Every structure is written in structure tokens, then in C-alpha cells.
C-alpha atoms as a PDB file:
ATOM      1  CA  MET A   1      65.224   5.844  34.325  1.00  0.00           C
ATOM      2  CA  ALA A   2      68.729   4.532  35.003  1.00  0.00           C
ATOM      3  CA  SER A   3      69.386   7.286  37.544  1.00  0.00           C
ATOM      4  CA  LEU A   4      66.087   6.979  39.364  1.00  0.00           C
ATOM      5  CA  PHE A   5      66.462   5.230  42.738  1.00  0.00           C
ATOM      6  CA  GLY A   6      69.895   3.973  41.716  1.00  0.00           C
ATOM      7  CA  SER A   7      68.804   1.751  38.840  1.00  0.00           C
ATOM      8  CA  ALA A   8      65.731   0.700  36.952  1.00  0.00           C
ATOM      9  CA  ALA A   9      64.113  -2.703  37.314  1.00  0.00           C
ATOM     10  CA  SER A  10      66.008  -5.479  35.581  1.00  0.00           C
ATOM     11  CA  SER A  11      65.093  -6.496  32.052  1.00  0.00           C
ATOM     12  CA  ALA A  12      64.500 -10.027  33.305  1.00  0.00           C
ATOM     13  CA  SER A  13      61.747  -8.906  35.663  1.00  0.00           C
ATOM     14  CA  ALA A  14      60.292  -6.665  32.970  1.00  0.00           C
ATOM     15  CA  SER A  15      59.796  -9.661  30.691  1.00  0.00           C
ATOM     16  CA  THR A  16      57.460 -11.413  33.151  1.00  0.00           C
ATOM     17  CA  THR A  17      53.960 -10.544  34.309  1.00  0.00           C
ATOM     18  CA  VAL A  18      55.053 -10.510  37.966  1.00  0.00           C
ATOM     19  CA  GLY A  19      56.436  -7.144  39.017  1.00  0.00           C
ATOM     20  CA  ASP A  20      59.348  -6.422  41.344  1.00  0.00           C
ATOM     21  CA  LEU A  21      59.095  -4.220  44.449  1.00  0.00           C
ATOM     22  CA  LYS A  22      62.763  -4.391  45.476  1.00  0.00           C
ATOM     23  CA  GLN A  23      63.584  -0.885  44.186  1.00  0.00           C
ATOM     24  CA  ASP A  24      60.618   0.773  45.932  1.00  0.00           C
ATOM     25  CA  VAL A  25      61.514   3.515  48.416  1.00  0.00           C
ATOM     26  CA  ALA A  26      59.464   4.643  51.418  1.00  0.00           C
ATOM     27  CA  LEU A  27      58.563   8.322  51.757  1.00  0.00           C
ATOM     28  CA  SER A  28      60.144  10.063  54.750  1.00  0.00           C
ATOM     29  CA  ASP A  29      57.875  11.306  57.572  1.00  0.00           C
ATOM     30  CA  PRO A  30      54.519  10.038  56.223  1.00  0.00           C
ATOM     31  CA  PRO A  31      51.100  11.019  57.629  1.00  0.00           C
ATOM     32  CA  THR A  32      49.991   9.631  60.988  1.00  0.00           C
ATOM     33  CA  ASP A  33      46.543   8.424  59.878  1.00  0.00           C
ATOM     34  CA  SER A  34      44.997   6.819  56.790  1.00  0.00           C
ATOM     35  CA  ILE A  35      45.957   8.406  53.476  1.00  0.00           C
ATOM     36  CA  SER A  36      43.068   9.533  51.273  1.00  0.00           C
ATOM     37  CA  ASP A  37      44.685  10.979  48.146  1.00  0.00           C
ATOM     38  CA  LEU A  38      47.977  11.583  46.330  1.00  0.00           C
ATOM     39  CA  ALA A  39      48.851  14.129  43.642  1.00  0.00           C
ATOM     40  CA  PHE A  40      52.116  14.925  41.862  1.00  0.00           C
ATOM     41  CA  SER A  41      52.780  18.385  40.461  1.00  0.00           C
ATOM     42  CA  PRO A  42      52.314  18.308  36.663  1.00  0.00           C
ATOM     43  CA  ALA A  43      54.497  21.376  36.089  1.00  0.00           C
ATOM     44  CA  PRO A  44      57.238  20.727  33.489  1.00  0.00           C
ATOM     45  CA  ASN A  45      60.943  21.358  34.082  1.00  0.00           C
ATOM     46  CA  THR A  46      60.556  21.322  37.859  1.00  0.00           C
ATOM     47  CA  PRO A  47      61.392  18.802  40.585  1.00  0.00           C
ATOM     48  CA  ASP A  48      58.788  16.201  41.517  1.00  0.00           C
ATOM     49  CA  PHE A  49      56.539  17.515  44.273  1.00  0.00           C
ATOM     50  CA  LEU A  50      53.990  15.179  45.870  1.00  0.00           C
ATOM     51  CA  ALA A  51      50.919  16.337  47.806  1.00  0.00           C
ATOM     52  CA  ILE A  52      49.252  13.972  50.273  1.00  0.00           C
ATOM     53  CA  SER A  53      45.905  14.316  52.036  1.00  0.00           C
ATOM     54  CA  SER A  54      45.105  12.233  55.094  1.00  0.00           C
ATOM     55  CA  TRP A  55      42.711  11.547  57.938  1.00  0.00           C
ATOM     56  CA  ASP A  56      44.941  13.363  60.445  1.00  0.00           C
ATOM     57  CA  ASN A  57      43.458  16.623  59.057  1.00  0.00           C
ATOM     58  CA  LYS A  58      46.594  17.581  57.132  1.00  0.00           C
ATOM     59  CA  VAL A  59      47.884  18.176  53.638  1.00  0.00           C
ATOM     60  CA  ARG A  60      51.604  17.574  53.223  1.00  0.00           C
ATOM     61  CA  ILE A  61      53.839  18.514  50.280  1.00  0.00           C
ATOM     62  CA  TYR A  62      57.110  16.673  49.671  1.00  0.00           C
ATOM     63  CA  GLU A  63      59.961  17.095  47.215  1.00  0.00           C
ATOM     64  CA  ILE A  64      61.132  13.826  45.652  1.00  0.00           C
ATOM     65  CA  ALA A  65      64.756  13.601  44.512  1.00  0.00           C
ATOM     66  CA  GLN A  66      66.005  11.462  41.623  1.00  0.00           C
ATOM     67  CA  ASN A  67      67.505   8.965  44.072  1.00  0.00           C
ATOM     68  CA  GLY A  68      64.095   8.419  45.671  1.00  0.00           C
ATOM     69  CA  GLN A  69      64.864  10.428  48.799  1.00  0.00           C
ATOM     70  CA  SER A  70      62.104  12.748  49.980  1.00  0.00           C
ATOM     71  CA  GLN A  71      61.850  15.868  52.086  1.00  0.00           C
ATOM     72  CA  GLY A  72      58.806  17.639  53.492  1.00  0.00           C
ATOM     73  CA  ARG A  73      58.415  21.170  52.128  1.00  0.00           C
ATOM     74  CA  HIS A  74      55.133  22.388  53.598  1.00  0.00           C
ATOM     75  CA  ALA A  75      52.016  21.284  55.467  1.00  0.00           C
ATOM     76  CA  TYR A  76      48.683  22.863  56.294  1.00  0.00           C
ATOM     77  CA  GLU A  77      45.504  21.760  58.038  1.00  0.00           C
ATOM     78  CA  HIS A  78      41.745  21.427  57.837  1.00  0.00           C
ATOM     79  CA  SER A  79      39.685  21.091  61.008  1.00  0.00           C
ATOM     80  CA  GLN A  80      38.607  17.566  60.021  1.00  0.00           C
ATOM     81  CA  PRO A  81      40.001  14.769  57.791  1.00  0.00           C
ATOM     82  CA  VAL A  82      41.187  15.805  54.334  1.00  0.00           C
ATOM     83  CA  LEU A  83      39.663  13.586  51.632  1.00  0.00           C
ATOM     84  CA  GLY A  84      41.141  14.907  48.376  1.00  0.00           C
ATOM     85  CA  VAL A  85      44.054  16.921  46.997  1.00  0.00           C
ATOM     86  CA  ASP A  86      45.280  18.239  43.647  1.00  0.00           C
ATOM     87  CA  PHE A  87      48.056  20.381  42.130  1.00  0.00           C
ATOM     88  CA  SER A  88      47.478  23.267  39.746  1.00  0.00           C
ATOM     89  CA  LYS A  89      48.911  22.763  36.261  1.00  0.00           C
ATOM     90  CA  ASP A  90      51.755  25.210  36.918  1.00  0.00           C
ATOM     91  CA  GLY A  91      52.579  23.554  40.236  1.00  0.00           C
ATOM     92  CA  THR A  92      52.259  26.760  42.267  1.00  0.00           C
ATOM     93  CA  LYS A  93      49.076  25.887  44.163  1.00  0.00           C
ATOM     94  CA  VAL A  94      47.484  22.933  45.936  1.00  0.00           C
ATOM     95  CA  ALA A  95      43.736  22.493  46.427  1.00  0.00           C
ATOM     96  CA  SER A  96      42.244  20.266  49.116  1.00  0.00           C
ATOM     97  CA  ALA A  97      38.818  18.869  49.998  1.00  0.00           C
ATOM     98  CA  GLY A  98      37.870  18.445  53.640  1.00  0.00           C
ATOM     99  CA  ALA A  99      35.322  16.636  55.771  1.00  0.00           C
ATOM    100  CA  ASP A 100      34.974  20.068  57.409  1.00  0.00           C
ATOM    101  CA  LYS A 101      32.946  20.992  54.269  1.00  0.00           C
ATOM    102  CA  ASN A 102      35.637  23.395  53.074  1.00  0.00           C
ATOM    103  CA  VAL A 103      37.652  23.620  49.873  1.00  0.00           C
ATOM    104  CA  LYS A 104      41.054  25.196  50.443  1.00  0.00           C
ATOM    105  CA  VAL A 105      43.785  26.453  48.133  1.00  0.00           C
ATOM    106  CA  CYS A 106      47.370  26.863  49.312  1.00  0.00           C
ATOM    107  CA  ASP A 107      49.817  29.149  47.504  1.00  0.00           C
ATOM    108  CA  LEU A 108      53.141  27.361  47.801  1.00  0.00           C
ATOM    109  CA  ALA A 109      55.241  30.481  47.233  1.00  0.00           C
ATOM    110  CA  SER A 110      53.738  32.324  50.206  1.00  0.00           C
ATOM    111  CA  GLN A 111      52.722  29.113  52.038  1.00  0.00           C
ATOM    112  CA  GLN A 112      49.373  30.716  52.795  1.00  0.00           C
ATOM    113  CA  ASP A 113      46.130  28.726  52.555  1.00  0.00           C
ATOM    114  CA  ILE A 114      42.598  30.100  52.298  1.00  0.00           C
ATOM    115  CA  VAL A 115      39.067  28.699  52.123  1.00  0.00           C
ATOM    116  CA  ILE A 116      37.702  29.362  48.625  1.00  0.00           C
ATOM    117  CA  GLY A 117      34.380  27.542  48.976  1.00  0.00           C
ATOM    118  CA  THR A 118      32.132  25.722  51.423  1.00  0.00           C
ATOM    119  CA  HIS A 119      29.654  22.896  50.856  1.00  0.00           C
ATOM    120  CA  ASP A 120      26.713  21.787  52.977  1.00  0.00           C
ATOM    121  CA  MET A 121      28.330  18.392  53.531  1.00  0.00           C
ATOM    122  CA  PRO A 122      31.884  16.951  53.529  1.00  0.00           C
ATOM    123  CA  VAL A 123      33.854  17.485  50.323  1.00  0.00           C
ATOM    124  CA  ARG A 124      35.110  14.240  48.787  1.00  0.00           C
ATOM    125  CA  SER A 125      37.230  15.370  45.834  1.00  0.00           C
ATOM    126  CA  VAL A 126      38.768  18.448  44.237  1.00  0.00           C
ATOM    127  CA  ARG A 127      40.486  19.138  40.920  1.00  0.00           C
ATOM    128  CA  PHE A 128      42.017  22.079  39.096  1.00  0.00           C
ATOM    129  CA  PHE A 129      40.454  22.497  35.660  1.00  0.00           C
ATOM    130  CA  ASP A 130      41.678  24.740  32.860  1.00  0.00           C
ATOM    131  CA  SER A 131      38.819  26.241  30.854  1.00  0.00           C
ATOM    132  CA  GLY A 132      38.770  28.797  28.063  1.00  0.00           C
ATOM    133  CA  SER A 133      38.269  31.577  30.587  1.00  0.00           C
ATOM    134  CA  GLY A 134      41.000  30.497  32.987  1.00  0.00           C
ATOM    135  CA  THR A 135      41.666  28.017  35.769  1.00  0.00           C
ATOM    136  CA  MET A 136      38.825  26.734  37.928  1.00  0.00           C
ATOM    137  CA  VAL A 137      38.737  24.593  41.051  1.00  0.00           C
ATOM    138  CA  VAL A 138      36.027  21.935  40.799  1.00  0.00           C
ATOM    139  CA  SER A 139      34.875  20.105  43.934  1.00  0.00           C
ATOM    140  CA  GLY A 140      32.578  17.155  44.534  1.00  0.00           C
ATOM    141  CA  SER A 141      30.806  16.725  47.862  1.00  0.00           C
ATOM    142  CA  TRP A 142      28.199  14.612  49.630  1.00  0.00           C
ATOM    143  CA  ASP A 143      25.548  17.363  49.543  1.00  0.00           C
ATOM    144  CA  LYS A 144      23.902  15.870  46.425  1.00  0.00           C
ATOM    145  CA  THR A 145      24.427  18.882  44.160  1.00  0.00           C
ATOM    146  CA  PHE A 146      24.585  16.760  41.014  1.00  0.00           C
ATOM    147  CA  TYR A 147      25.084  18.078  37.529  1.00  0.00           C
ATOM    148  CA  LYS A 148      24.217  14.823  35.790  1.00  0.00           C
ATOM    149  CA  THR A 149      23.557  11.252  36.903  1.00  0.00           C
ATOM    150  CA  LEU A 150      24.993   8.269  35.031  1.00  0.00           C
ATOM    151  CA  GLN A 151      24.157   4.622  35.649  1.00  0.00           C
ATOM    152  CA  SER A 152      27.212   2.603  36.649  1.00  0.00           C
ATOM    153  CA  PRO A 153      27.853  -0.538  34.587  1.00  0.00           C
ATOM    154  CA  LEU A 154      28.946  -2.267  37.802  1.00  0.00           C
ATOM    155  CA  LYS A 155      26.473  -3.871  40.178  1.00  0.00           C
ATOM    156  CA  TRP A 156      27.991  -2.947  43.521  1.00  0.00           C
ATOM    157  CA  GLN A 157      29.165   0.221  45.272  1.00  0.00           C
ATOM    158  CA  THR A 158      31.540   2.476  43.320  1.00  0.00           C
ATOM    159  CA  ARG A 159      34.876   3.217  44.981  1.00  0.00           C
ATOM    160  CA  VAL A 160      36.695   5.219  42.323  1.00  0.00           C
ATOM    161  CA  VAL A 161      36.168   6.970  38.979  1.00  0.00           C
ATOM    162  CA  SER A 162      39.211   8.044  36.944  1.00  0.00           C
ATOM    163  CA  CYS A 163      39.176   9.829  33.564  1.00  0.00           C
ATOM    164  CA  PHE A 164      41.315   8.841  30.578  1.00  0.00           C
ATOM    165  CA  PRO A 165      44.184  11.262  29.863  1.00  0.00           C
ATOM    166  CA  ASP A 166      42.524  12.144  26.519  1.00  0.00           C
ATOM    167  CA  SER A 167      39.108  12.676  28.204  1.00  0.00           C
ATOM    168  CA  THR A 168      37.346  10.233  25.859  1.00  0.00           C
ATOM    169  CA  GLY A 169      36.193   8.025  28.706  1.00  0.00           C
ATOM    170  CA  PHE A 170      36.727   6.871  32.246  1.00  0.00           C
ATOM    171  CA  ALA A 171      37.426   3.829  34.391  1.00  0.00           C
ATOM    172  CA  ILE A 172      35.284   2.756  37.349  1.00  0.00           C
ATOM    173  CA  GLY A 173      36.299   0.512  40.242  1.00  0.00           C
ATOM    174  CA  SER A 174      33.934  -1.084  42.744  1.00  0.00           C
ATOM    175  CA  ILE A 175      33.876  -3.055  45.992  1.00  0.00           C
ATOM    176  CA  GLU A 176      33.251  -6.304  44.078  1.00  0.00           C
ATOM    177  CA  GLY A 177      36.784  -6.577  42.681  1.00  0.00           C
ATOM    178  CA  ARG A 178      35.764  -5.379  39.254  1.00  0.00           C
ATOM    179  CA  CYS A 179      36.762  -2.520  36.944  1.00  0.00           C
ATOM    180  CA  ALA A 180      34.812  -1.076  34.010  1.00  0.00           C
ATOM    181  CA  ILE A 181      36.039   0.941  31.029  1.00  0.00           C
ATOM    182  CA  GLN A 182      33.436   3.383  29.696  1.00  0.00           C
ATOM    183  CA  TYR A 183      33.600   5.796  26.752  1.00  0.00           C
ATOM    184  CA  VAL A 184      31.714   9.093  26.768  1.00  0.00           C
ATOM    185  CA  GLU A 185      30.415   9.131  23.195  1.00  0.00           C
ATOM    186  CA  GLU A 186      27.617   6.763  22.177  1.00  0.00           C
ATOM    187  CA  LYS A 187      29.495   5.888  18.987  1.00  0.00           C
ATOM    188  CA  ASP A 188      32.217   4.310  21.127  1.00  0.00           C
ATOM    189  CA  ALA A 189      29.830   2.305  23.333  1.00  0.00           C
ATOM    190  CA  SER A 190      30.842  -0.958  21.661  1.00  0.00           C
ATOM    191  CA  SER A 191      34.289  -0.525  23.224  1.00  0.00           C
ATOM    192  CA  ASN A 192      32.903  -0.480  26.782  1.00  0.00           C
ATOM    193  CA  PHE A 193      33.820  -3.495  28.881  1.00  0.00           C
ATOM    194  CA  SER A 194      34.412  -4.661  32.440  1.00  0.00           C
ATOM    195  CA  PHE A 195      36.808  -7.164  33.968  1.00  0.00           C
ATOM    196  CA  LYS A 196      37.519  -8.894  37.259  1.00  0.00           C
ATOM    197  CA  CYS A 197      40.525  -7.920  39.371  1.00  0.00           C
ATOM    198  CA  HIS A 198      41.738  -7.967  42.978  1.00  0.00           C
ATOM    199  CA  ARG A 199      40.248 -11.382  43.683  1.00  0.00           C
ATOM    200  CA  ASP A 200      41.884 -14.271  45.506  1.00  0.00           C
ATOM    201  CA  PRO A 201      42.216 -17.680  43.838  1.00  0.00           C
ATOM    202  CA  VAL A 202      39.255 -20.025  44.265  1.00  0.00           C
ATOM    203  CA  VAL A 203      39.490 -22.219  47.379  1.00  0.00           C
ATOM    204  CA  ASN A 204      36.732 -24.800  47.974  1.00  0.00           C
ATOM    205  CA  ASN A 205      34.503 -22.960  45.491  1.00  0.00           C
ATOM    206  CA  VAL A 206      34.870 -19.715  47.479  1.00  0.00           C
ATOM    207  CA  VAL A 207      36.398 -16.527  46.056  1.00  0.00           C
ATOM    208  CA  ASN A 208      37.353 -13.593  48.276  1.00  0.00           C
ATOM    209  CA  VAL A 209      36.839 -10.324  46.395  1.00  0.00           C
ATOM    210  CA  HIS A 210      38.440  -7.019  47.362  1.00  0.00           C
ATOM    211  CA  ALA A 211      37.565  -3.385  46.734  1.00  0.00           C
ATOM    212  CA  VAL A 212      39.294  -1.475  43.943  1.00  0.00           C
ATOM    213  CA  ASN A 213      40.355   1.638  45.856  1.00  0.00           C
ATOM    214  CA  ASP A 214      42.091   3.682  43.177  1.00  0.00           C
ATOM    215  CA  ILE A 215      42.777   3.853  39.437  1.00  0.00           C
ATOM    216  CA  SER A 216      45.559   5.983  37.931  1.00  0.00           C
ATOM    217  CA  PHE A 217      46.427   6.547  34.265  1.00  0.00           C
ATOM    218  CA  HIS A 218      49.981   6.719  32.970  1.00  0.00           C
ATOM    219  CA  PRO A 219      50.488  10.273  31.592  1.00  0.00           C
ATOM    220  CA  VAL A 220      52.498   9.111  28.557  1.00  0.00           C
ATOM    221  CA  HIS A 221      51.243   5.669  27.560  1.00  0.00           C
ATOM    222  CA  GLY A 222      47.579   5.900  28.613  1.00  0.00           C
ATOM    223  CA  THR A 223      47.803   2.524  30.343  1.00  0.00           C
ATOM    224  CA  PHE A 224      46.483   2.415  33.891  1.00  0.00           C
ATOM    225  CA  SER A 225      46.875   0.958  37.357  1.00  0.00           C
ATOM    226  CA  THR A 226      44.371  -0.537  39.752  1.00  0.00           C
ATOM    227  CA  ALA A 227      45.053  -0.851  43.477  1.00  0.00           C
ATOM    228  CA  GLY A 228      42.940  -2.538  46.096  1.00  0.00           C
ATOM    229  CA  SER A 229      42.150  -3.456  49.646  1.00  0.00           C
ATOM    230  CA  ASP A 230      43.973  -6.747  49.028  1.00  0.00           C
ATOM    231  CA  GLY A 231      47.275  -4.842  49.144  1.00  0.00           C
ATOM    232  CA  THR A 232      48.213  -5.356  45.497  1.00  0.00           C
ATOM    233  CA  PHE A 233      48.457  -3.152  42.419  1.00  0.00           C
ATOM    234  CA  HIS A 234      48.425  -4.022  38.729  1.00  0.00           C
ATOM    235  CA  PHE A 235      49.173  -2.257  35.438  1.00  0.00           C
ATOM    236  CA  TRP A 236      46.736  -2.736  32.533  1.00  0.00           C
ATOM    237  CA  ASP A 237      46.443  -1.967  28.818  1.00  0.00           C
ATOM    238  CA  LYS A 238      42.793  -1.072  28.184  1.00  0.00           C
ATOM    239  CA  ASP A 239      43.119  -1.107  24.383  1.00  0.00           C
ATOM    240  CA  ALA A 240      44.569  -4.622  24.328  1.00  0.00           C
ATOM    241  CA  LYS A 241      42.391  -5.691  27.291  1.00  0.00           C
ATOM    242  CA  HIS A 242      45.497  -7.137  28.856  1.00  0.00           C
ATOM    243  CA  ARG A 243      47.225  -7.093  32.244  1.00  0.00           C
ATOM    244  CA  LEU A 244      50.790  -5.865  31.846  1.00  0.00           C
ATOM    245  CA  LYS A 245      52.093  -6.448  35.372  1.00  0.00           C
ATOM    246  CA  GLY A 246      50.867  -7.648  38.749  1.00  0.00           C
ATOM    247  CA  TYR A 247      52.744  -6.989  41.985  1.00  0.00           C
ATOM    248  CA  PRO A 248      53.089  -8.877  45.284  1.00  0.00           C
ATOM    249  CA  ASN A 249      51.154  -7.907  48.392  1.00  0.00           C
ATOM    250  CA  VAL A 250      52.615  -4.771  49.978  1.00  0.00           C
ATOM    251  CA  GLY A 251      51.515  -5.549  53.539  1.00  0.00           C
ATOM    252  CA  GLY A 252      48.326  -3.498  53.803  1.00  0.00           C
ATOM    253  CA  SER A 253      45.473  -2.005  51.818  1.00  0.00           C
ATOM    254  CA  ILE A 254      46.435   0.469  49.098  1.00  0.00           C
ATOM    255  CA  THR A 255      44.239   3.539  49.515  1.00  0.00           C
ATOM    256  CA  ALA A 256      45.610   5.944  46.884  1.00  0.00           C
ATOM    257  CA  THR A 257      47.931   5.957  43.862  1.00  0.00           C
ATOM    258  CA  THR A 258      49.343   8.371  41.291  1.00  0.00           C
ATOM    259  CA  PHE A 259      52.020   8.695  38.590  1.00  0.00           C
ATOM    260  CA  ASN A 260      54.395  11.643  38.368  1.00  0.00           C
ATOM    261  CA  LYS A 261      54.300  13.889  35.301  1.00  0.00           C
ATOM    262  CA  THR A 262      56.656  11.736  33.214  1.00  0.00           C
ATOM    263  CA  GLY A 263      55.289   8.405  34.392  1.00  0.00           C
ATOM    264  CA  SER A 264      58.685   7.409  35.794  1.00  0.00           C
ATOM    265  CA  ILE A 265      57.442   7.188  39.403  1.00  0.00           C
ATOM    266  CA  PHE A 266      54.338   5.389  40.660  1.00  0.00           C
ATOM    267  CA  ALA A 267      53.408   6.399  44.208  1.00  0.00           C
ATOM    268  CA  TYR A 268      51.107   4.223  46.282  1.00  0.00           C
ATOM    269  CA  ALA A 269      49.773   4.754  49.798  1.00  0.00           C
ATOM    270  CA  ILE A 270      49.460   1.900  52.279  1.00  0.00           C
ATOM    271  CA  SER A 271      46.991   2.492  55.100  1.00  0.00           C
ATOM    272  CA  TYR A 272      43.731   1.166  56.464  1.00  0.00           C
ATOM    273  CA  ASP A 273      40.773   1.629  54.098  1.00  0.00           C
ATOM    274  CA  TRP A 274      38.013   0.612  56.559  1.00  0.00           C
ATOM    275  CA  SER A 275      36.912  -2.195  54.230  1.00  0.00           C
ATOM    276  CA  LYS A 276      36.696  -4.599  57.188  1.00  0.00           C
ATOM    277  CA  GLY A 277      35.218  -2.239  59.779  1.00  0.00           C
ATOM    278  CA  PHE A 278      36.712  -0.560  62.818  1.00  0.00           C
ATOM    279  CA  GLN A 279      37.798  -3.860  64.379  1.00  0.00           C
ATOM    280  CA  HIS A 280      40.693  -4.167  61.933  1.00  0.00           C
ATOM    281  CA  ASN A 281      41.991  -0.619  62.437  1.00  0.00           C
ATOM    282  CA  THR A 282      44.804  -1.547  64.810  1.00  0.00           C
ATOM    283  CA  GLN A 283      47.748   0.541  65.993  1.00  0.00           C
ATOM    284  CA  ASN A 284      50.118  -1.785  64.159  1.00  0.00           C
ATOM    285  CA  TYR A 285      48.495  -1.241  60.760  1.00  0.00           C
ATOM    286  CA  PRO A 286      51.089   0.286  58.387  1.00  0.00           C
ATOM    287  CA  ILE A 287      50.784   3.902  57.248  1.00  0.00           C
ATOM    288  CA  LYS A 288      53.283   4.780  54.535  1.00  0.00           C
ATOM    289  CA  VAL A 289      53.754   5.977  50.977  1.00  0.00           C
ATOM    290  CA  MET A 290      55.982   3.994  48.644  1.00  0.00           C
ATOM    291  CA  LEU A 291      57.694   5.265  45.490  1.00  0.00           C
ATOM    292  CA  HIS A 292      57.994   2.684  42.721  1.00  0.00           C
ATOM    293  CA  PRO A 293      60.452   3.449  39.869  1.00  0.00           C
ATOM    294  CA  VAL A 294      58.635   2.569  36.647  1.00  0.00           C
ATOM    295  CA  ASN A 295      60.560   0.649  34.022  1.00  0.00           C
ATOM    296  CA  ASN A 296      59.303   1.587  30.539  1.00  0.00           C
ATOM    297  CA  ASP A 297      58.239  -1.981  29.835  1.00  0.00           C
ATOM    298  CA  GLU A 298      56.042  -2.092  32.929  1.00  0.00           C
ATOM    299  CA  CYS A 299      53.476   0.388  31.616  1.00  0.00           C
ATOM    300  CA  LYS A 300      54.120   0.397  27.873  1.00  0.00           C
ATOM    301  CA  PRO A 301      51.119  -0.779  25.788  1.00  0.00           C
ATOM    302  CA  ARG A 302      51.346  -4.027  23.906  1.00  0.00           C
ATOM    303  CA  PRO A 303      52.596  -3.464  20.319  1.00  0.00           C
ATOM    304  CA  SER A 304      49.490  -5.114  18.902  1.00  0.00           C
ATOM    305  CA  ALA A 305      47.122  -2.811  20.754  1.00  0.00           C
ATOM    306  CA  LYS A 306      44.784  -0.845  18.523  1.00  0.00           C
ATOM    307  CA  LYS A 307      45.079   2.851  19.252  1.00  0.00           C
ATOM    308  CA  ARG A 308      41.977   4.970  19.416  1.00  0.00           C
END
């Protein structure tokens, strides 16, 4: 990590629970409206490419250099806001989910995009999935075509669901400033738990709670991040049930996050998340994507953590 963005975070800052944002670099030419999703290319032995979907109806693909500088490589459009984006495993294609009810795939070599499927309602999320018979594109929409319904362990509205890298479980974030860790198999149910996060300190017996907008898992360590409408993000060790790092307010709600394929870069999007209604969506609200160089100690599990 020494070459990334000039230098890695200092060892002094890594030894505390308060993270440092001084090395973070802003992405060049960001979207012009709220950012809905981020996805890095997982392809090995290639540069870092970052795809961004946003409410200005566009998908943008950037190349990120080792010094943190970025350059736009391609962009394409839906007819309405784009709500989700993902890279294929080989990094040659990008899939996107639109409020126009369409699922699109863009071939980056030819820079041609096509509609591969249409829902009855807006499409919220899309993912590439490698099965035994080949690669599939899986989309989730608001047209209520459920495969299976699970009861959330959290009381209030769900904002995000993110699967563990090993597929043994998933994390859930809600509007009540709470995150839950759930395992798929019944035999592991005793390991399920929830915890409070993204809450302000108590003042006169009042606690302001903030929505957990996104959860991202580190591709190497299996630790994870939470990011919220309070404008902060945190790194956690689920096995040790411990917060590794917490970071200062970034100046606006964090709407999307992701790690690159090696876990050396943590990207987070700052834009309005509509958590306080249309009145707070002002022209001065920041819209940007920041690139945080990850020091190994920031996301490394605690040595005492029991591995599953």
C-alpha cells in the first residue's frame, strides 16, 4: 500500500479506533445527481475500474490509478434514474438496474449497451452470478416477484442487505441505526446477532438515530464496513463483534460504498439520500465519490477472533 495515493495511513493512526481521512482522494468528474451504487471490477491482473450508477440516469466507468487519480473511460444511459450496477467477474461487462424497469448490460470492449430484460416495475439491484452452467445476470425489482420471503431480525425498514464473501450469511442494515448479522444455516443460528451503529451521543435523554445506507465486505479479511445518513463510515469485525475503526463526518450522507478487488481501496459516495425529505435536497448538497487508501490494520480482524 505504500505506493497507493502517495503513502499509506500512519502507523500511529492505525493504532487508534479513530480513522484518518487525510489521504482520501476525490474522484474526477463525478455524477451530477445522487449516487445509488458503486462497483469495482473484480478481474485480476488489471487496473482498478469503478462503475457508478446515479439518479442523473447514467452509468459511468472510471479507471483508478495507483496514485489515486481517476479518469472517465465510458458512460451510458437509462431513460430514468439508475439504481444499481455491477461488474462481471472478468471485468469485461457492466450490468445496470434502472427505474425505467430495464436491466442493461454494457460490453466495455465495444462500448455497446443493450437491454437484456424488463420488469413490470423499477429495478432496484443487479448482480452477475456464476453458476455451473455459465454466467447469469440476476436482478431484483419492485414488482414483487419473490423467490422466498425471510423475516428480518430488525424492527424497522431495511435499507441494505449484503452477503458474506463466503456466502454463509449476510448483514442487514436498517433506518434505526442498527445492523444485524445472520447466518443461512440453522445450525449457525446461535451466531446471529445485531448491534447499534450510526447513532449520535445521548443529549438530554434523546438519541438521534441514522439510517445504515450500505454495507460492504472486505474481499480478503471478511471484515465489513457500514456507512450511513449521518455521514460516517466504520469498519467492523463480525467474528470478534468489535468495531475496528470509526471515521469523522465526511460532510454529507454516504449513499454507497465498495472495496476494490484487493481491499486496498475503499470507495464511498457522498450525496443526498432523501432521509430527511425533499426539503433538505439543496443545490449546495455535496455530490462526490471519495477513494480511501486502506491500511492493512484498518480492516484486519482482531487476532483473537474465532474463525468460522
